[in-house]
């Protein structure tokens, strides 16, 4: 096939998901309790799979780093195969396996072509890593040492130090207040038995969401889901996380760091997934600090005063109230001025809300960029996993633009006044003199 025609064909294939409507989500449950979310995508002979467990850092108690190490160990040895053998086997069929852990969840992923000669061995290997991990001692020591080195490296990263201090100040003893990477003493105390116990408790079907997107029909997707999850014990769903307490008073901390720039974070607990104010606050924050160089915060801090190259704000909705974060990086000498402008910009927006023209521009920007959120199977499977894990409506993607367009000026103003309290904010500054 001529190169020009091949290029045109690839463009048409890759852009097809942008042109089509939001995918119709099919949903069912396996016999042992795993919840399945499926979207057929016949455009490419590929399948993307995400298996999500409620097994993130929020579940590890005082054993900091346990979720991260458990996830990292899943493909270090399984069913008698070592890490090299697993890697070679998955490479030989052109597939990719991945494991990661986050604050709320642990994620196992597989991407493969749907040709049965390649998909079958890829799924078999994926299943082994999920259901028969060996947790070899030598790999545990290597990963532990790498994480300990990472903790030392973090001490030279003011942004990372600021983030850890910010989350600790926001959440205190709540599970969200502890860094997912743990600390030196918690990492050194972890044993193989700890990993096995954590895996056995949380890597179970009743604690799992399986998302599938690919060139399969419903029958093939059901067979694939059953095969992946059949050897997982049913187990129990993780207990509900404790509620996040509202801040009782403002808090400010300055941490010395030998850097020419200071990192500044400002905020408070914000919203959770499925929050009734989600779309209102999402659109409002897009105007305030979430739209890059066109946002209010960027205009006041970067364009008008040249205090920072990048200034921003964002909500991080989680299973419990995730953080609302405003931040910037500036010269040490200008950090107090930048903080004052950041606070004043937030307060003015809270009191008066956006203008009609700002709201119109925000809606066009958000809805106009929406197709890019779904322009690949990998992105779609991520949305399916999110919808399932946080129990969002199946029409979440279908109604996204509709709910954005329904947001009014008065709703934004009222929501910010109800949800954001400028008199009780956490402020963390890392850089310069303490």
Protein backbone atom coordinates (compact mmCIF):
# COMPACT_ATOMS: atom_id res chain seq x y z
CA UNK A 1 0.00 0.00 0.00
CA UNK A 2 1.41 3.47 -0.90
CA UNK A 3 2.67 5.46 2.10
CA UNK A 4 0.15 8.31 1.58
CA UNK A 5 -2.80 5.90 1.55
CA UNK A 6 -1.48 4.03 4.59
CA UNK A 7 -1.07 7.31 6.49
CA UNK A 8 -4.61 8.38 5.59
CA UNK A 9 -5.97 5.00 6.72
CA UNK A 10 -4.21 5.28 10.08
CA UNK A 11 -5.53 8.80 10.60
CA UNK A 12 -9.09 7.64 9.88
CA UNK A 13 -8.78 4.68 12.24
CA UNK A 14 -7.26 6.65 15.08
CA UNK A 15 -9.73 9.50 14.76
CA UNK A 16 -12.83 7.31 14.56
CA UNK A 17 -13.40 7.33 18.31
CA UNK A 18 -13.28 11.13 18.31
CA UNK A 19 -16.05 11.33 15.75
CA UNK A 20 -18.38 8.82 17.38
CA UNK A 21 -20.64 9.45 20.36
CA UNK A 22 -19.64 8.48 23.87
CA UNK A 23 -19.29 4.69 24.15
CA UNK A 24 -22.25 2.63 25.41
CA UNK A 25 -21.15 0.88 28.60
CA UNK A 26 -22.22 -2.69 29.31
CA UNK A 27 -22.09 -3.89 32.91
CA UNK A 28 -22.42 -7.23 34.72
CA UNK A 29 -20.98 -9.17 37.64
CA UNK A 30 -19.01 -12.41 37.64
CA UNK A 31 -20.07 -15.37 39.77
CA UNK A 32 -17.41 -14.66 42.38
CA UNK A 33 -18.35 -10.97 42.71
CA UNK A 34 -16.09 -8.97 40.39
CA UNK A 35 -17.92 -6.10 38.68
CA UNK A 36 -17.28 -5.84 34.94
CA UNK A 37 -17.58 -2.78 32.67
CA UNK A 38 -17.24 -3.35 28.94
CA UNK A 39 -17.20 -1.26 25.77
CA UNK A 40 -16.81 -2.98 22.37
CA UNK A 41 -14.31 -1.23 20.11
CA UNK A 42 -14.03 -3.07 16.79
CA UNK A 43 -11.99 -0.34 15.07
CA UNK A 44 -8.65 -1.93 16.06
CA UNK A 45 -7.80 -5.63 16.69
CA UNK A 46 -6.73 -4.81 20.27
CA UNK A 47 -8.06 -5.22 23.79
CA UNK A 48 -7.26 -3.06 26.84
CA UNK A 49 -7.96 -4.40 30.32
CA UNK A 50 -7.76 -2.77 33.73
CA UNK A 51 -8.42 -4.68 36.93
CA UNK A 52 -8.77 -2.24 39.81
CA UNK A 53 -8.68 -3.23 43.48
CA UNK A 54 -9.58 -1.10 46.49
CA UNK A 55 -6.02 -1.69 47.67
CA UNK A 56 -4.33 1.70 47.53
CA UNK A 57 -2.20 3.44 50.13
CA UNK A 58 -5.32 4.40 52.08
CA UNK A 59 -5.61 0.72 53.12
CA UNK A 60 -2.13 0.14 54.53
CA UNK A 61 -2.58 1.64 58.01
CA UNK A 62 0.78 2.33 59.66
CA UNK A 63 2.66 0.10 57.21
CA UNK A 64 3.63 2.94 54.87
CA UNK A 65 4.68 1.76 51.41
CA UNK A 66 2.92 -1.62 51.70
CA UNK A 67 0.47 -0.97 48.86
CA UNK A 68 3.22 0.29 46.55
CA UNK A 69 5.57 -2.63 47.23
CA UNK A 70 2.80 -5.23 46.92
CA UNK A 71 1.81 -3.82 43.53
CA UNK A 72 5.42 -3.61 42.35
CA UNK A 73 6.01 -7.25 43.32
CA UNK A 74 3.14 -8.72 41.31
CA UNK A 75 5.21 -9.34 38.16
CA UNK A 76 8.49 -10.04 39.95
CA UNK A 77 7.66 -13.73 40.12
CA UNK A 78 4.51 -15.80 39.66
CA UNK A 79 3.62 -19.50 39.37
CA UNK A 80 7.33 -20.38 39.50
CA UNK A 81 8.33 -17.94 36.76
CA UNK A 82 10.87 -15.26 37.61
CA UNK A 83 10.67 -11.64 36.52
CA UNK A 84 12.85 -12.17 33.43
CA UNK A 85 10.77 -15.12 32.27
CA UNK A 86 7.56 -13.15 32.74
CA UNK A 87 8.96 -10.20 30.79
CA UNK A 88 10.23 -12.40 27.96
CA UNK A 89 6.93 -14.27 27.72
CA UNK A 90 4.84 -11.13 27.53
CA UNK A 91 7.20 -9.56 24.99
CA UNK A 92 7.04 -12.66 22.81
CA UNK A 93 3.31 -12.12 22.22
CA UNK A 94 3.56 -8.35 21.76
CA UNK A 95 1.51 -7.60 24.87
CA UNK A 96 2.09 -5.30 27.85
CA UNK A 97 1.37 -5.90 31.54
CA UNK A 98 1.51 -3.21 34.19
CA UNK A 99 0.90 -2.82 37.93
CA UNK A 100 0.62 0.39 39.94
CA UNK A 101 -0.70 1.60 43.29
CA UNK A 102 -2.27 4.97 44.11
CA UNK A 103 -3.94 6.56 47.11
CA UNK A 104 -7.35 4.93 46.56
CA UNK A 105 -6.59 1.93 44.36
CA UNK A 106 -4.18 -0.62 42.94
CA UNK A 107 -4.35 -1.22 39.19
CA UNK A 108 -3.36 -4.22 37.06
CA UNK A 109 -3.45 -3.72 33.30
CA UNK A 110 -3.07 -5.77 30.14
CA UNK A 111 -2.94 -4.66 26.51
CA UNK A 112 -2.90 -7.28 23.76
CA UNK A 113 -3.94 -7.90 20.20
CA UNK A 114 -7.10 -10.00 19.90
CA UNK A 115 -5.62 -12.67 17.66
CA UNK A 116 -6.32 -15.82 19.69
CA UNK A 117 -2.79 -17.19 19.19
CA UNK A 118 -1.39 -14.12 20.95
CA UNK A 119 -4.24 -13.17 23.29
CA UNK A 120 -4.53 -16.60 24.92
CA UNK A 121 -0.94 -16.77 26.23
CA UNK A 122 -1.06 -13.09 27.22
CA UNK A 123 -4.20 -13.62 29.31
CA UNK A 124 -2.78 -16.80 30.82
CA UNK A 125 0.32 -14.96 31.95
CA UNK A 126 -1.72 -12.00 33.23
CA UNK A 127 -3.85 -14.42 35.25
CA UNK A 128 -0.77 -16.04 36.79
CA UNK A 129 0.63 -12.71 37.95
CA UNK A 130 -2.76 -11.81 39.44
CA UNK A 131 -3.54 -15.07 41.20
CA UNK A 132 -0.18 -16.79 41.85
CA UNK A 133 2.37 -14.10 42.78
CA UNK A 134 5.45 -15.55 44.50
CA UNK A 135 6.70 -12.37 46.23
CA UNK A 136 10.35 -13.51 46.08
CA UNK A 137 12.55 -12.23 48.91
CA UNK A 138 15.36 -11.02 46.64
CA UNK A 139 12.95 -8.86 44.64
CA UNK A 140 11.46 -7.49 47.86
CA UNK A 141 14.88 -6.34 49.03
CA UNK A 142 15.67 -4.76 45.67
CA UNK A 143 12.39 -2.86 45.49
CA UNK A 144 12.67 -1.83 49.14
CA UNK A 145 16.16 -0.44 48.53
CA UNK A 146 14.96 1.44 45.45
CA UNK A 147 12.16 3.02 47.47
CA UNK A 148 14.58 3.96 50.26
CA UNK A 149 16.81 5.63 47.65
CA UNK A 150 13.71 7.40 46.38
CA UNK A 151 13.02 8.76 49.87
CA UNK A 152 16.53 10.20 49.99
CA UNK A 153 16.08 11.73 46.54
CA UNK A 154 12.78 13.28 47.66
CA UNK A 155 14.68 15.34 50.24
CA UNK A 156 16.25 17.22 47.32
CA UNK A 157 12.88 17.89 45.69
CA UNK A 158 11.08 20.87 47.26
CA UNK A 159 7.93 20.15 45.27
CA UNK A 160 7.67 16.62 46.69
CA UNK A 161 8.40 17.85 50.21
CA UNK A 162 5.69 20.47 49.87
CA UNK A 163 3.16 17.90 48.66
CA UNK A 164 3.81 15.52 51.57
CA UNK A 165 3.60 18.35 54.12
CA UNK A 166 0.43 19.66 52.47
CA UNK A 167 -1.35 16.29 52.63
CA UNK A 168 -0.25 15.72 56.22
CA UNK A 169 -1.55 19.14 57.27
CA UNK A 170 -4.85 18.63 55.41
CA UNK A 171 -5.62 15.13 56.64
CA UNK A 172 -3.73 14.53 59.88
CA UNK A 173 -4.37 10.93 61.01
CA UNK A 174 -6.72 10.16 58.13
CA UNK A 175 -5.26 7.58 55.68
CA UNK A 176 -4.88 10.29 53.03
CA UNK A 177 -2.40 12.10 55.25
CA UNK A 178 0.35 9.50 54.84
CA UNK A 179 2.61 9.43 51.76
CA UNK A 180 2.13 6.40 49.51
CA UNK A 181 5.91 5.90 49.45
CA UNK A 182 5.99 5.37 53.21
CA UNK A 183 8.96 6.40 55.35
CA UNK A 184 12.31 4.86 56.14
CA UNK A 185 11.20 3.01 59.27
CA UNK A 186 7.96 1.68 57.76
CA UNK A 187 9.72 0.41 54.62
CA UNK A 188 12.45 -1.34 56.60
CA UNK A 189 9.86 -3.05 58.81
CA UNK A 190 7.89 -4.63 55.95
CA UNK A 191 8.23 -8.39 55.51
CA UNK A 192 7.18 -10.84 52.84
CA UNK A 193 4.45 -12.06 55.20
CA UNK A 194 3.04 -8.52 55.31
CA UNK A 195 2.80 -8.45 51.51
CA UNK A 196 1.13 -11.86 51.38
CA UNK A 197 -1.43 -10.87 54.02
CA UNK A 198 -2.19 -7.58 52.25
CA UNK A 199 -2.56 -9.35 48.90
CA UNK A 200 -4.84 -12.03 50.34
CA UNK A 201 -7.12 -9.46 51.99
CA UNK A 202 -7.50 -6.94 49.18
CA UNK A 203 -6.74 -8.67 45.85
CA UNK A 204 -10.09 -10.49 45.80
CA UNK A 205 -13.06 -10.50 43.43
CA UNK A 206 -15.52 -8.68 45.70
CA UNK A 207 -12.96 -5.88 45.98
CA UNK A 208 -12.34 -5.65 42.23
CA UNK A 209 -13.56 -3.71 39.19
CA UNK A 210 -12.72 -5.14 35.76
CA UNK A 211 -12.80 -2.76 32.76
CA UNK A 212 -12.51 -4.11 29.20
CA UNK A 213 -12.36 -2.16 25.94
CA UNK A 214 -11.57 -3.83 22.65
CA UNK A 215 -12.43 -5.79 19.56
CA UNK A 216 -14.71 -8.30 21.30
CA UNK A 217 -18.41 -9.06 21.36
CA UNK A 218 -20.35 -9.50 24.61
CA UNK A 219 -19.91 -13.28 24.72
CA UNK A 220 -16.15 -13.03 24.21
CA UNK A 221 -15.90 -10.27 26.83
CA UNK A 222 -17.81 -12.38 29.36
CA UNK A 223 -15.55 -15.36 28.69
CA UNK A 224 -12.48 -13.15 29.07
CA UNK A 225 -13.77 -11.62 32.31
CA UNK A 226 -14.52 -15.05 33.77
CA UNK A 227 -11.09 -16.33 32.82
CA UNK A 228 -9.26 -13.38 34.36
CA UNK A 229 -11.19 -13.41 37.65
CA UNK A 230 -12.15 -17.08 38.08
CA UNK A 231 -9.15 -17.94 40.25
CA UNK A 232 -9.51 -14.91 42.49
CA UNK A 233 -11.10 -15.80 45.83
CA UNK A 234 -14.43 -14.05 46.39
CA UNK A 235 -13.24 -12.34 49.59
CA UNK A 236 -14.80 -9.20 51.00
CA UNK A 237 -15.01 -5.62 49.77
CA UNK A 238 -12.79 -3.21 51.67
CA UNK A 239 -14.40 -1.33 54.56
CA UNK A 240 -15.62 2.21 54.00
CA UNK A 241 -12.93 4.84 54.51
CA UNK A 242 -13.38 7.22 57.45
CA UNK A 243 -14.86 10.63 56.68
CA UNK A 244 -12.49 13.56 56.23
CA UNK A 245 -12.81 16.20 58.93
CA UNK A 246 -13.13 19.87 58.02
CA UNK A 247 -10.23 22.10 58.97
CA UNK A 248 -10.86 23.86 62.27
CA UNK A 249 -8.38 26.68 61.79
CA UNK A 250 -5.82 28.00 59.32
CA UNK A 251 -2.37 26.43 59.27
CA UNK A 252 0.86 27.69 57.74
CA UNK A 253 4.25 25.97 57.62
CA UNK A 254 7.51 27.19 56.10
CA UNK A 255 10.13 24.54 55.45
CA UNK A 256 13.71 25.59 54.77
CA UNK A 257 15.26 24.23 51.60
CA UNK A 258 18.45 25.40 49.87
CA UNK A 259 16.73 26.34 46.61
CA UNK A 260 16.43 29.62 44.73
CA UNK A 261 12.72 28.99 44.19
CA UNK A 262 9.99 28.43 46.75
CA UNK A 263 7.15 25.98 46.21
CA UNK A 264 3.84 27.18 47.61
CA UNK A 265 0.68 25.11 48.12
CA UNK A 266 -2.59 26.45 49.48
CA UNK A 267 -5.83 24.59 50.00
CA UNK A 268 -8.25 22.46 52.01
CA UNK A 269 -10.25 19.21 51.64
CA UNK A 270 -12.41 19.55 48.55
CA UNK A 271 -14.77 17.03 46.96
CA UNK A 272 -15.20 13.30 46.44
CA UNK A 273 -16.12 11.38 43.30
CA UNK A 274 -19.84 11.61 42.62
CA UNK A 275 -20.17 14.79 44.67
CA UNK A 276 -23.34 16.74 43.88
CA UNK A 277 -21.26 19.88 43.35
CA UNK A 278 -18.66 18.18 41.15
CA UNK A 279 -19.53 19.71 37.78
CA UNK A 280 -20.23 23.15 39.27
CA UNK A 281 -16.87 23.27 41.05
CA UNK A 282 -15.09 21.71 38.07
CA UNK A 283 -16.30 24.43 35.74
CA UNK A 284 -15.67 27.13 38.33
CA UNK A 285 -12.14 25.99 38.96
CA UNK A 286 -11.48 25.81 35.22
CA UNK A 287 -12.05 29.56 35.21
CA UNK A 288 -10.16 30.25 38.43
CA UNK A 289 -7.02 28.18 37.96
CA UNK A 290 -7.58 25.09 35.84
CA UNK A 291 -7.34 26.44 32.30
CA UNK A 292 -3.63 27.17 32.11
CA UNK A 293 -2.48 30.59 30.98
CA UNK A 294 -6.04 31.86 30.49
CA UNK A 295 -7.13 31.31 34.10
CA UNK A 296 -7.72 34.06 36.66
CA UNK A 297 -4.86 32.90 38.85
CA UNK A 298 -2.39 32.76 35.98
CA UNK A 299 -3.48 36.18 34.77
CA UNK A 300 -3.04 37.80 38.18
CA UNK A 301 0.21 36.10 39.17
CA UNK A 302 2.02 35.51 35.88
CA UNK A 303 0.70 38.02 33.35
CA UNK A 304 0.14 41.07 35.55
CA UNK A 305 2.96 40.66 38.05
CA UNK A 306 5.46 38.17 36.64
CA UNK A 307 5.68 36.37 39.97
CA UNK A 308 5.57 32.82 38.62
CA UNK A 309 5.81 30.98 35.35
CA UNK A 310 3.00 28.62 36.35
CA UNK A 311 0.21 29.16 38.87
CA UNK A 312 -2.79 26.86 39.07
CA UNK A 313 -5.61 25.31 41.07
CA UNK A 314 -7.38 21.96 40.84
CA UNK A 315 -9.75 19.60 42.63
CA UNK A 316 -8.61 15.99 43.12
CA UNK A 317 -11.85 14.10 43.85
CA UNK A 318 -11.24 10.78 45.59
CA UNK A 319 -13.26 8.15 47.46
CA UNK A 320 -13.35 10.50 50.44
CA UNK A 321 -12.88 14.27 50.13
CA UNK A 322 -9.77 14.80 48.02
CA UNK A 323 -7.65 17.97 48.23
CA UNK A 324 -8.42 21.29 46.65
CA UNK A 325 -5.00 22.65 45.75
CA UNK A 326 -3.80 26.06 44.64
CA UNK A 327 -0.10 26.31 43.88
CA UNK A 328 2.81 28.07 42.29
CA UNK A 329 6.58 28.29 42.24
CA UNK A 330 8.31 31.62 42.68
CA UNK A 331 11.55 33.32 43.73
CA UNK A 332 12.19 33.15 47.46
CA UNK A 333 12.08 36.93 47.74
CA UNK A 334 8.59 37.16 46.18
CA UNK A 335 6.87 34.28 47.96
CA UNK A 336 4.92 36.47 50.39
CA UNK A 337 3.65 38.71 47.61
CA UNK A 338 2.67 35.71 45.52
CA UNK A 339 0.85 34.14 48.46
CA UNK A 340 -1.08 37.34 49.07
CA UNK A 341 -2.14 37.63 45.43
CA UNK A 342 -3.13 33.94 45.33
CA UNK A 343 -5.32 34.33 48.42
CA UNK A 344 -6.87 37.57 47.20
CA UNK A 345 -7.68 36.03 43.82
CA UNK A 346 -9.40 33.07 45.49
CA UNK A 347 -11.36 35.31 47.87
CA UNK A 348 -12.51 37.65 45.09
CA UNK A 349 -13.64 34.72 42.96
CA UNK A 350 -15.48 33.16 45.91
CA UNK A 351 -17.29 36.39 46.68
CA UNK A 352 -18.22 37.48 43.18
CA UNK A 353 -17.94 34.41 40.97
CA UNK A 354 -16.95 34.45 37.29
CA UNK A 355 -18.21 36.72 34.55
CA UNK A 356 -20.65 35.58 31.87
CA UNK A 357 -17.94 35.70 29.22
CA UNK A 358 -15.57 33.62 31.37
CA UNK A 359 -18.26 31.00 31.91
CA UNK A 360 -19.08 30.82 28.21
CA UNK A 361 -15.42 30.45 27.28
CA UNK A 362 -14.91 27.75 29.92
CA UNK A 363 -17.85 25.70 28.69
CA UNK A 364 -16.64 25.88 25.09
CA UNK A 365 -13.13 24.91 26.15
CA UNK A 366 -14.24 21.95 28.27
CA UNK A 367 -16.84 20.55 25.90
CA UNK A 368 -14.70 21.24 22.84
CA UNK A 369 -11.85 19.22 24.32
CA UNK A 370 -14.09 16.39 25.52
CA UNK A 371 -13.57 14.14 22.44
CA UNK A 372 -9.84 14.09 23.22
CA UNK A 373 -10.66 12.38 26.51
CA UNK A 374 -11.98 9.41 24.54
CA UNK A 375 -9.64 9.33 21.57
CA UNK A 376 -8.03 5.99 22.45
CA UNK A 377 -9.07 2.67 23.95
CA UNK A 378 -6.55 3.23 26.74
CA UNK A 379 -8.31 6.42 27.80
CA UNK A 380 -11.75 4.81 27.57
CA UNK A 381 -10.74 1.84 29.71
CA UNK A 382 -9.40 4.28 32.31
CA UNK A 383 -12.78 6.01 32.41
CA UNK A 384 -14.58 2.66 32.71
CA UNK A 385 -12.41 1.71 35.68
CA UNK A 386 -13.08 5.10 37.30
CA UNK A 387 -16.83 4.82 36.73
CA UNK A 388 -16.89 1.36 38.25
CA UNK A 389 -14.57 2.04 41.16
CA UNK A 390 -16.34 5.21 42.27
CA UNK A 391 -19.81 3.89 41.41
CA UNK A 392 -20.60 6.71 38.99
CA UNK A 393 -23.64 6.50 36.67
CA UNK A 394 -23.20 4.46 33.50
CA UNK A 395 -24.21 7.52 31.48
CA UNK A 396 -21.42 9.62 33.03
CA UNK A 397 -19.67 10.09 29.70
CA UNK A 398 -22.91 10.58 27.76
CA UNK A 399 -24.08 13.38 30.05
CA UNK A 400 -20.71 15.02 30.74
CA UNK A 401 -21.07 17.91 28.29
CA UNK A 402 -24.74 18.35 29.17
CA UNK A 403 -23.91 18.79 32.85
CA UNK A 404 -21.07 21.18 32.06
CA UNK A 405 -23.36 23.33 29.90
CA UNK A 406 -26.02 23.38 32.63
CA UNK A 407 -23.73 25.12 35.15
CA UNK A 408 -24.76 28.71 35.91
CA UNK A 409 -22.95 31.75 37.28
CA UNK A 410 -25.04 31.66 40.46
CA UNK A 411 -24.33 27.97 41.04
CA UNK A 412 -20.58 28.54 40.88
CA UNK A 413 -20.74 31.45 43.28
CA UNK A 414 -22.95 29.59 45.74
CA UNK A 415 -20.89 26.39 45.57
CA UNK A 416 -17.62 28.21 46.21
CA UNK A 417 -19.15 30.04 49.15
CA UNK A 418 -20.52 26.80 50.60
CA UNK A 419 -17.47 24.62 50.00
CA UNK A 420 -14.39 26.86 50.21
CA UNK A 421 -13.49 28.68 53.43
CA UNK A 422 -10.61 31.16 52.92
CA UNK A 423 -10.31 31.61 56.68
CA UNK A 424 -9.34 27.95 57.17
CA UNK A 425 -6.71 27.15 54.58
CA UNK A 426 -3.51 25.14 54.81
CA UNK A 427 -0.45 26.98 53.49
CA UNK A 428 2.83 25.17 52.87
CA UNK A 429 5.98 26.95 51.64
CA UNK A 430 9.18 25.03 50.89
CA UNK A 431 12.29 27.01 49.97
CA UNK A 432 14.51 29.74 51.38
CA UNK A 433 14.82 30.32 55.11
CA UNK A 434 12.35 28.71 57.50
